[in-house]
Amino acid sequence: MKLSTKSKEYIIPEYSLTGDLLSFLTCNLQYRYQNKGHLTPLMPIQLWFGEFIHSALEEAYLKWEKSGDDENLEFPWDWESEIRPIEELIIDRLKVKGLNPPLGYDWNGPQNNIYSARLERSINLWGPHLFPLIIDAEMPLKGLRPLEDENFRSDYYSINGVVDVLSFSKINKLLNFAENQSKIQKTLDFYYDNDNRNKIIEYLSSNKETLDLLKEKLAKDNIEDYEIIIDYKGMRRPSAPSEEEMQKIQALMSEGNLFESEIYEKYKVWIQHEWQILTYAWLRRNQTDMQEPVVGIIFYLNELVPSNDDLEAIKEDLSKNQTDISKDRIDEADWNLLENWNPYSEKAIHNDLSTKFKMDRSIRIINIDEELFENSLNQFDNVVKEIESSMIKEMEGAKIQDAWKAEAEERTCSACDFRAFCNKKKNEDLENKQVFTIP
């Protein structure tokens, strides 16, 4: 009897939107060491805070959902009795995963701890408006994309992500929100003196592009429900291009020359976050139980309690008009405070900035336009091709530093544990080295 041979193993590479694709775009070589080599950074503050804020907000939502009409959970929540237990729970969970809080983490509350302050502000400022809209939290998304190159390991790759919060509402109630009114009336009274406006719906209804898109969807597809894809970012609002610069970016994308351009380097974080939301929407549309996702929202939570570094970057963006929240859209008192602020002063000014200024800067609405889908997916396809190419080079014998590029910005390099033996640093040292000449 002739036995058949075992068929060759077929691998479908799997990539996470944030853990792989965005990490690779931050720095190819750092991605290789951390994600493929599993070399954990000594002080992964950004990674820790990202995990911390996502998990803590999910836990806060679950706590709110289980409470029903419990008056003890009216907003604002008390840090000591309501928020601190969530912090302790999430910090213990992260320690099990090898992610420890930053050195000197202070348990004395928001007044002494910027991480606690950002969590407390996120819950008490956005919670009353966000939590009533949630229908599902931490939803996993997954899909297949083609890899059109015979040299790669597979004809397809798997792309996955997690939608931090998935919320929905009725289109015909967008301008007159009344859903769950009995449950949220008390929480909204605290902020609006008996005015039960939902702030998220208010931001959406004041965005003309969003309203036009929703009206178009309703007329074309006759949809009654829609979904809002939401993501949290433990960072400040990135620098944003002007309309003219955005046209240049779109032209470069269509030509396939975006990654090599200076304008991409300038605004790459802003651009990548839009790609991420659009890709989430594409993944969600491929699920069988989905409603129509037509809007994405990103919350930049550092804006609620900005550090001195954040404030300097905000001031620079406003001065150079490198932000979509321009000077003519903010209160004069907020700009005067920033303009006259001395970053070396011991006085923190984030509490003096208006709540409106901080909330305006912390929310970003991304309309899910059909025409932009293909662009965002193509860009991430190209990123996967670069990762696969680098892996194949290394498998064929190339040194790690030759197979993977090190092209991160200075801020990333200065916090990188691998900078001591990075080829970017070596190249810079060679460029800066004085040439010895004999007179």
Protein backbone atom coordinates (compact mmCIF):
# COMPACT_ATOMS: atom_id res chain seq x y z
CA MET A 1 0.00 0.00 0.00
CA LYS A 2 1.43 3.34 -1.07
CA LEU A 3 1.21 6.06 1.56
CA SER A 4 0.74 9.62 0.41
CA THR A 5 3.32 12.16 1.49
CA LYS A 6 2.39 14.95 3.80
CA SER A 7 1.46 18.10 1.92
CA LYS A 8 3.62 21.15 2.31
CA GLU A 9 2.57 23.37 5.20
CA TYR A 10 0.62 26.40 4.00
CA ILE A 11 0.98 29.52 6.09
CA ILE A 12 -1.39 32.47 5.98
CA PRO A 13 0.47 35.32 7.71
CA GLU A 14 -1.61 37.15 10.30
CA TYR A 15 -1.18 40.86 10.97
CA SER A 16 -2.71 43.14 13.58
CA LEU A 17 -3.61 46.69 12.56
CA THR A 18 -1.97 48.33 15.56
CA GLY A 19 0.44 45.65 16.81
CA ASP A 20 1.96 44.99 13.37
CA LEU A 21 1.12 47.50 10.65
CA LEU A 22 1.26 50.75 12.64
CA SER A 23 4.23 49.46 14.66
CA PHE A 24 6.14 48.66 11.46
CA LEU A 25 5.42 52.14 10.08
CA THR A 26 6.79 53.65 13.30
CA CYS A 27 10.12 51.89 12.81
CA ASN A 28 10.84 48.73 10.76
CA LEU A 29 13.84 47.64 12.85
CA GLN A 30 12.19 48.31 16.22
CA TYR A 31 9.20 46.28 15.02
CA ARG A 32 11.53 43.37 14.15
CA TYR A 33 13.09 43.30 17.60
CA GLN A 34 9.90 43.81 19.61
CA ASN A 35 7.22 42.01 17.60
CA LYS A 36 9.16 39.28 15.81
CA GLY A 37 12.03 38.88 18.26
CA HIS A 38 9.81 39.31 21.34
CA LEU A 39 12.36 41.62 22.97
CA THR A 40 10.24 43.60 25.43
CA PRO A 41 11.40 47.19 25.99
CA LEU A 42 12.60 48.02 29.49
CA MET A 43 10.25 51.00 29.95
CA PRO A 44 7.31 50.58 27.56
CA ILE A 45 5.43 53.64 28.87
CA GLN A 46 3.46 54.29 25.67
CA LEU A 47 2.56 50.61 25.30
CA TRP A 48 1.60 50.37 28.98
CA PHE A 49 -0.60 53.47 28.92
CA GLY A 50 -2.33 52.39 25.70
CA GLU A 51 -3.25 49.03 27.23
CA PHE A 52 -4.14 50.68 30.55
CA ILE A 53 -6.54 53.30 29.15
CA HIS A 54 -8.28 50.86 26.78
CA SER A 55 -8.82 48.22 29.47
CA ALA A 56 -9.82 50.69 32.18
CA LEU A 57 -12.43 52.39 29.98
CA GLU A 58 -13.88 49.02 29.00
CA GLU A 59 -14.09 48.05 32.67
CA ALA A 60 -15.71 51.40 33.52
CA TYR A 61 -18.33 50.85 30.83
CA LEU A 62 -19.12 47.33 32.08
CA LYS A 63 -19.44 48.69 35.61
CA TRP A 64 -21.81 51.42 34.40
CA GLU A 65 -23.86 48.97 32.33
CA LYS A 66 -24.37 46.59 35.27
CA SER A 67 -25.36 49.42 37.59
CA GLY A 68 -28.69 50.14 35.88
CA ASP A 69 -30.27 53.14 37.57
CA ASP A 70 -28.03 52.92 40.64
CA GLU A 71 -27.77 56.48 41.96
CA ASN A 72 -24.38 55.67 43.47
CA LEU A 73 -22.92 55.64 39.95
CA GLU A 74 -24.10 59.07 38.91
CA PHE A 75 -21.44 61.09 37.07
CA PRO A 76 -19.00 62.45 38.04
CA TRP A 77 -17.52 59.32 39.59
CA ASP A 78 -15.45 59.68 42.73
CA TRP A 79 -11.86 58.58 42.11
CA GLU A 80 -11.24 56.97 45.50
CA SER A 81 -14.39 54.84 45.65
CA GLU A 82 -15.23 54.21 41.97
CA ILE A 83 -12.17 54.72 39.75
CA ARG A 84 -9.28 53.59 41.94
CA PRO A 85 -10.57 49.96 42.16
CA ILE A 86 -10.66 49.87 38.33
CA GLU A 87 -7.06 51.17 38.18
CA GLU A 88 -5.85 48.54 40.65
CA LEU A 89 -7.60 45.76 38.73
CA ILE A 90 -6.16 46.79 35.35
CA ILE A 91 -2.63 47.38 36.70
CA ASP A 92 -2.61 43.86 38.20
CA ARG A 93 -3.82 42.41 34.87
CA LEU A 94 -1.08 44.20 32.95
CA LYS A 95 1.61 43.01 35.37
CA VAL A 96 0.66 39.42 34.54
CA LYS A 97 1.34 40.28 30.87
CA GLY A 98 4.76 41.71 31.80
CA LEU A 99 3.66 45.35 31.52
CA ASN A 100 4.50 47.24 34.70
CA PRO A 101 3.43 50.81 35.47
CA PRO A 102 6.05 53.57 35.06
CA LEU A 103 8.54 54.00 37.90
CA GLY A 104 7.21 56.26 40.61
CA TYR A 105 3.56 55.49 39.83
CA ASP A 106 1.67 57.35 42.57
CA TRP A 107 -1.53 55.96 44.09
CA ASN A 108 -2.54 59.32 45.56
CA GLY A 109 -4.94 60.04 42.75
CA PRO A 110 -5.38 62.41 39.79
CA GLN A 111 -3.82 65.37 41.56
CA ASN A 112 -0.40 63.64 41.60
CA ASN A 113 -0.63 61.14 38.74
CA ILE A 114 -1.15 62.15 35.12
CA TYR A 115 -2.30 58.62 34.14
CA SER A 116 -4.99 58.62 36.85
CA ALA A 117 -5.95 62.17 35.87
CA ARG A 118 -6.43 61.19 32.21
CA LEU A 119 -8.53 58.17 33.14
CA GLU A 120 -10.66 60.20 35.57
CA ARG A 121 -11.25 62.95 32.98
CA SER A 122 -12.01 60.40 30.25
CA ILE A 123 -14.66 58.71 32.40
CA ASN A 124 -16.25 61.86 33.79
CA LEU A 125 -16.15 64.03 30.66
CA TRP A 126 -16.90 61.49 27.92
CA GLY A 127 -18.56 58.68 29.92
CA PRO A 128 -22.01 60.33 30.27
CA HIS A 129 -22.20 60.78 26.50
CA LEU A 130 -20.37 57.67 25.28
CA PHE A 131 -21.60 54.88 27.55
CA PRO A 132 -25.34 55.20 26.65
CA LEU A 133 -24.48 54.77 22.95
CA ILE A 134 -22.45 51.56 23.29
CA ILE A 135 -23.90 48.30 22.03
CA ASP A 136 -20.69 46.25 22.11
CA ALA A 137 -17.20 46.77 23.51
CA GLU A 138 -13.88 45.27 22.42
CA MET A 139 -15.28 43.56 19.32
CA PRO A 140 -12.68 41.47 17.41
CA LEU A 141 -12.55 41.97 13.64
CA LYS A 142 -10.81 39.77 11.07
CA GLY A 143 -10.55 39.51 7.29
CA LEU A 144 -8.45 38.18 4.38
CA ARG A 145 -6.57 40.29 1.83
CA PRO A 146 -4.72 39.08 -1.30
CA LEU A 147 -0.90 39.11 -1.49
CA GLU A 148 -0.09 39.30 -5.18
CA ASP A 149 3.52 38.17 -5.33
CA GLU A 150 4.76 34.67 -6.07
CA ASN A 151 7.80 35.15 -3.82
CA PHE A 152 5.74 35.59 -0.66
CA ARG A 153 4.80 32.80 1.75
CA SER A 154 1.10 32.90 0.85
CA ASP A 155 -1.41 34.22 -1.66
CA TYR A 156 -3.32 35.90 1.19
CA TYR A 157 -2.75 37.51 4.56
CA SER A 158 -5.08 37.81 7.52
CA ILE A 159 -5.68 41.25 8.99
CA ASN A 160 -7.25 41.69 12.41
CA GLY A 161 -8.06 44.36 14.94
CA VAL A 162 -10.29 45.14 17.88
CA VAL A 163 -12.88 47.90 17.81
CA ASP A 164 -12.63 49.42 21.25
CA VAL A 165 -16.24 50.59 21.29
CA LEU A 166 -18.99 49.99 18.78
CA SER A 167 -21.97 52.32 19.11
CA PHE A 168 -25.09 52.99 17.11
CA SER A 169 -28.05 55.32 16.88
CA LYS A 170 -30.97 56.04 14.60
CA ILE A 171 -30.23 58.39 11.71
CA ASN A 172 -33.60 60.05 12.09
CA LYS A 173 -32.78 60.77 15.75
CA LEU A 174 -29.38 62.32 15.10
CA LEU A 175 -30.57 65.88 15.64
CA ASN A 176 -33.07 65.06 18.39
CA PHE A 177 -31.47 62.45 20.62
CA ALA A 178 -33.91 60.99 23.14
CA GLU A 179 -32.88 57.32 23.38
CA ASN A 180 -32.31 55.95 26.91
CA GLN A 181 -33.29 59.35 28.26
CA SER A 182 -34.56 58.04 31.57
CA LYS A 183 -31.28 56.29 32.29
CA ILE A 184 -28.92 59.10 31.34
CA GLN A 185 -30.96 62.13 32.42
CA LYS A 186 -29.24 62.42 35.81
CA THR A 187 -25.74 62.01 34.39
CA LEU A 188 -26.29 64.68 31.75
CA ASP A 189 -27.88 67.12 34.20
CA PHE A 190 -24.51 67.53 35.92
CA TYR A 191 -22.96 69.01 32.79
CA TYR A 192 -25.88 70.75 31.10
CA ASP A 193 -28.23 72.01 33.80
CA ASN A 194 -31.25 69.96 32.77
CA ASP A 195 -30.28 70.07 29.08
CA ASN A 196 -30.06 66.44 27.98
CA ARG A 197 -27.98 66.93 24.84
CA ASN A 198 -25.57 64.13 24.12
CA LYS A 199 -22.19 65.71 23.37
CA ILE A 200 -21.10 63.06 20.85
CA ILE A 201 -24.34 63.44 18.88
CA GLU A 202 -23.82 67.20 19.08
CA TYR A 203 -20.35 66.93 17.52
CA LEU A 204 -21.68 64.66 14.78
CA SER A 205 -24.64 66.90 14.01
CA SER A 206 -22.40 69.97 13.74
CA ASN A 207 -20.18 68.25 11.15
CA LYS A 208 -21.60 69.12 7.73
CA GLU A 209 -19.72 66.35 5.91
CA THR A 210 -21.11 63.77 8.35
CA LEU A 211 -24.68 64.99 7.91
CA ASP A 212 -24.37 65.00 4.11
CA LEU A 213 -22.97 61.46 4.20
CA LEU A 214 -25.78 60.21 6.43
CA LYS A 215 -28.46 61.82 4.27
CA GLU A 216 -26.87 60.25 1.18
CA LYS A 217 -26.80 56.82 2.84
CA LEU A 218 -30.40 57.12 3.93
CA ALA A 219 -31.55 58.15 0.45
CA LYS A 220 -29.44 55.55 -1.38
CA ASP A 221 -29.60 52.49 0.89
CA ASN A 222 -32.67 53.31 2.98
CA ILE A 223 -30.81 52.28 6.14
CA GLU A 224 -32.37 53.11 9.50
CA ASP A 225 -29.54 52.07 11.80
CA TYR A 226 -25.86 52.85 11.54
CA GLU A 227 -22.74 52.11 13.52
CA ILE A 228 -20.04 54.40 14.84
CA ILE A 229 -16.62 52.80 15.11
CA ILE A 230 -14.68 54.25 18.03
CA ASP A 231 -11.03 54.01 18.99
CA TYR A 232 -9.12 55.47 21.93
CA LYS A 233 -5.58 56.79 21.63
CA GLY A 234 -3.38 57.44 24.66
CA MET A 235 -1.68 60.36 22.92
CA ARG A 236 -2.21 63.97 21.88
CA ARG A 237 -3.99 64.99 18.67
CA PRO A 238 -1.43 64.67 15.85
CA SER A 239 -0.46 67.51 13.52
CA ALA A 240 -2.96 67.71 10.67
CA PRO A 241 -2.58 68.83 7.01
CA SER A 242 -4.48 71.70 5.43
CA GLU A 243 -7.01 71.02 2.65
CA GLU A 244 -4.38 71.91 0.05
CA GLU A 245 -1.83 69.59 1.65
CA MET A 246 -4.45 66.84 1.84
CA GLN A 247 -4.95 67.06 -1.91
CA LYS A 248 -1.19 66.57 -2.40
CA ILE A 249 -1.28 63.56 -0.07
CA GLN A 250 -4.13 61.96 -2.02
CA ALA A 251 -2.31 62.57 -5.31
CA LEU A 252 0.86 60.95 -3.93
CA MET A 253 -1.18 57.97 -2.68
CA SER A 254 -2.69 57.40 -6.10
CA GLU A 255 0.80 57.60 -7.69
CA GLY A 256 2.28 55.19 -5.12
CA ASN A 257 4.90 57.72 -3.96
CA LEU A 258 3.47 58.70 -0.57
CA PHE A 259 5.89 56.91 1.77
CA GLU A 260 8.96 58.61 0.23
CA SER A 261 7.52 62.15 0.48
CA GLU A 262 8.32 64.85 3.05
CA ILE A 263 4.66 65.68 3.54
CA TYR A 264 3.98 62.11 4.65
CA GLU A 265 6.73 62.31 7.27
CA LYS A 266 5.16 65.52 8.53
CA TYR A 267 1.62 64.16 8.94
CA LYS A 268 2.05 60.38 8.91
CA VAL A 269 0.38 59.75 12.29
CA TRP A 270 -2.72 61.70 11.26
CA ILE A 271 -2.88 59.84 7.93
CA GLN A 272 -2.29 56.39 9.44
CA HIS A 273 -5.08 56.85 11.99
CA GLU A 274 -7.55 57.54 9.18
CA TRP A 275 -6.38 54.38 7.37
CA GLN A 276 -6.90 52.44 10.59
CA ILE A 277 -10.53 53.57 11.00
CA LEU A 278 -11.31 52.92 7.34
CA THR A 279 -9.80 49.44 7.58
CA TYR A 280 -11.81 48.72 10.74
CA ALA A 281 -14.93 49.75 8.80
CA TRP A 282 -14.01 47.40 5.92
CA LEU A 283 -13.47 44.51 8.34
CA ARG A 284 -16.76 45.25 10.09
CA ARG A 285 -18.68 45.32 6.81
CA ASN A 286 -17.48 41.79 6.08
CA GLN A 287 -19.17 40.46 9.22
CA THR A 288 -22.60 38.89 8.89
CA ASP A 289 -24.27 40.58 11.87
CA MET A 290 -23.18 44.11 11.07
CA GLN A 291 -25.15 47.31 10.70
CA GLU A 292 -23.81 49.96 8.33
CA PRO A 293 -20.63 51.62 9.75
CA VAL A 294 -20.60 55.16 8.34
CA VAL A 295 -18.67 57.20 10.91
CA GLY A 296 -15.48 56.64 12.88
CA ILE A 297 -14.44 58.56 16.00
CA ILE A 298 -10.99 58.69 17.57
CA PHE A 299 -10.57 60.01 21.10
CA TYR A 300 -7.11 61.47 21.77
CA LEU A 301 -7.28 61.21 25.55
CA ASN A 302 -4.02 62.98 26.41
CA GLU A 303 -5.73 66.18 25.28
CA LEU A 304 -7.95 66.07 28.38
CA VAL A 305 -4.88 66.38 30.64
CA PRO A 306 -1.98 67.45 28.40
CA SER A 307 1.60 67.23 29.67
CA ASN A 308 4.10 70.06 29.16
CA ASP A 309 5.44 68.28 26.06
CA ASP A 310 1.89 67.99 24.73
CA LEU A 311 1.23 71.67 25.40
CA GLU A 312 4.39 72.70 23.56
CA ALA A 313 3.35 70.60 20.55
CA ILE A 314 -0.20 72.01 20.65
CA LYS A 315 1.15 75.56 20.78
CA GLU A 316 3.49 74.87 17.83
CA ASP A 317 0.70 73.31 15.74
CA LEU A 318 -1.55 76.29 16.38
CA SER A 319 1.23 78.78 15.58
CA LYS A 320 2.10 77.02 12.30
CA ASN A 321 -1.52 76.22 11.41
CA GLN A 322 -0.73 72.50 11.38
CA THR A 323 -4.00 71.45 13.00
CA ASP A 324 -7.63 71.09 12.00
CA ILE A 325 -8.59 72.85 15.28
CA SER A 326 -7.12 76.18 14.14
CA LYS A 327 -6.75 79.40 16.15
CA ASP A 328 -9.94 80.89 14.72
CA ARG A 329 -11.89 77.94 16.14
CA ILE A 330 -10.72 78.26 19.74
CA ASP A 331 -11.53 80.77 22.45
CA GLU A 332 -9.18 83.75 22.60
CA ALA A 333 -8.59 83.15 26.31
CA ASP A 334 -7.26 79.64 25.58
CA TRP A 335 -4.86 80.90 22.92
CA ASN A 336 -3.62 83.77 25.13
CA LEU A 337 -2.96 81.28 27.91
CA LEU A 338 -0.91 79.06 25.58
CA GLU A 339 0.89 81.93 23.87
CA ASN A 340 2.04 83.46 27.16
CA TRP A 341 2.81 80.16 28.85
CA ASN A 342 6.39 79.46 29.93
CA PRO A 343 7.10 75.72 29.57
CA TYR A 344 9.77 75.97 32.28
CA SER A 345 7.30 77.35 34.81
CA GLU A 346 6.33 75.06 37.67
CA LYS A 347 2.69 76.06 37.27
CA ALA A 348 0.60 73.55 35.32
CA ILE A 349 -1.87 75.28 33.02
CA HIS A 350 -3.93 72.37 31.73
CA ASN A 351 -6.58 73.01 34.40
CA ASP A 352 -6.86 76.63 33.24
CA LEU A 353 -7.65 75.69 29.65
CA SER A 354 -11.38 75.51 28.97
CA THR A 355 -13.17 72.17 28.98
CA LYS A 356 -14.50 72.97 25.50
CA PHE A 357 -10.94 73.46 24.17
CA LYS A 358 -9.84 70.12 25.57
CA MET A 359 -12.92 68.19 24.44
CA ASP A 360 -12.79 69.74 20.94
CA ARG A 361 -9.18 68.63 20.58
CA SER A 362 -9.79 65.17 22.02
CA ILE A 363 -12.48 64.07 19.51
CA ARG A 364 -11.83 63.44 15.81
CA ILE A 365 -14.61 62.47 13.42
CA ILE A 366 -13.67 60.40 10.35
CA ASN A 367 -16.35 59.96 7.72
CA ILE A 368 -16.24 56.52 6.14
CA ASP A 369 -16.19 57.41 2.48
CA GLU A 370 -16.42 54.60 -0.08
CA GLU A 371 -13.78 56.23 -2.30
CA LEU A 372 -11.23 56.22 0.54
CA PHE A 373 -11.67 52.52 1.35
CA GLU A 374 -9.51 51.21 -1.46
CA ASN A 375 -6.75 53.74 -0.79
CA SER A 376 -6.42 52.80 2.87
CA LEU A 377 -6.52 49.07 2.13
CA ASN A 378 -3.93 49.41 -0.64
CA GLN A 379 -1.59 51.31 1.68
CA PHE A 380 -1.76 48.58 4.32
CA ASP A 381 -1.33 45.94 1.59
CA ASN A 382 1.94 47.68 0.69
CA VAL A 383 3.03 47.66 4.34
CA VAL A 384 2.43 43.90 4.57
CA LYS A 385 4.45 43.40 1.37
CA GLU A 386 7.34 45.34 2.93
CA ILE A 387 7.17 43.21 6.09
CA GLU A 388 7.07 40.00 4.06
CA SER A 389 9.99 41.18 1.90
CA SER A 390 12.08 41.97 4.97
CA MET A 391 11.31 38.58 6.49
CA ILE A 392 12.28 36.78 3.28
CA LYS A 393 15.57 38.74 3.09
CA GLU A 394 16.40 37.67 6.63
CA MET A 395 15.40 34.04 5.94
CA GLU A 396 17.74 34.06 2.93
CA GLY A 397 20.70 35.07 5.10
CA ALA A 398 20.70 38.87 5.26
CA LYS A 399 21.65 40.45 8.58
CA ILE A 400 18.76 41.82 10.61
CA GLN A 401 19.97 45.42 10.24
CA ASP A 402 20.26 44.98 6.48
CA ALA A 403 16.85 43.36 6.08
CA TRP A 404 14.94 45.85 8.22
CA LYS A 405 15.19 49.64 7.87
CA ALA A 406 15.56 52.02 10.81
CA GLU A 407 13.77 55.21 9.81
CA ALA A 408 11.98 56.41 12.94
CA GLU A 409 11.58 60.03 13.98
CA GLU A 410 13.87 61.42 16.69
CA ARG A 411 11.27 61.15 19.45
CA THR A 412 10.89 57.41 18.82
CA CYS A 413 14.66 56.90 18.60
CA SER A 414 15.39 58.66 21.89
CA ALA A 415 13.07 56.26 23.78
CA CYS A 416 14.18 53.10 21.95
CA ASP A 417 16.08 50.39 23.83
CA PHE A 418 17.82 49.27 20.61
CA ARG A 419 19.33 52.62 19.60
CA ALA A 420 22.82 51.62 20.80
CA PHE A 421 23.21 49.11 17.95
CA CYS A 422 20.85 50.63 15.40
CA ASN A 423 22.08 51.10 11.84
CA LYS A 424 20.41 54.51 11.69
CA LYS A 425 22.55 55.70 14.60
CA LYS A 426 25.69 54.31 12.97
CA ASN A 427 24.91 56.08 9.70
CA GLU A 428 24.25 59.35 11.52
CA ASP A 429 27.50 59.00 13.46
CA LEU A 430 29.39 58.49 10.19
CA GLU A 431 27.75 61.57 8.67
CA ASN A 432 28.57 63.69 11.72
CA LYS A 433 32.11 62.37 12.17
CA GLN A 434 34.78 64.95 11.46
CA VAL A 435 37.05 64.04 8.59
CA PHE A 436 40.72 63.93 9.65
CA THR A 437 42.92 65.74 7.15
CA ILE A 438 46.66 66.39 7.05
CA PRO A 439 47.45 70.07 6.48
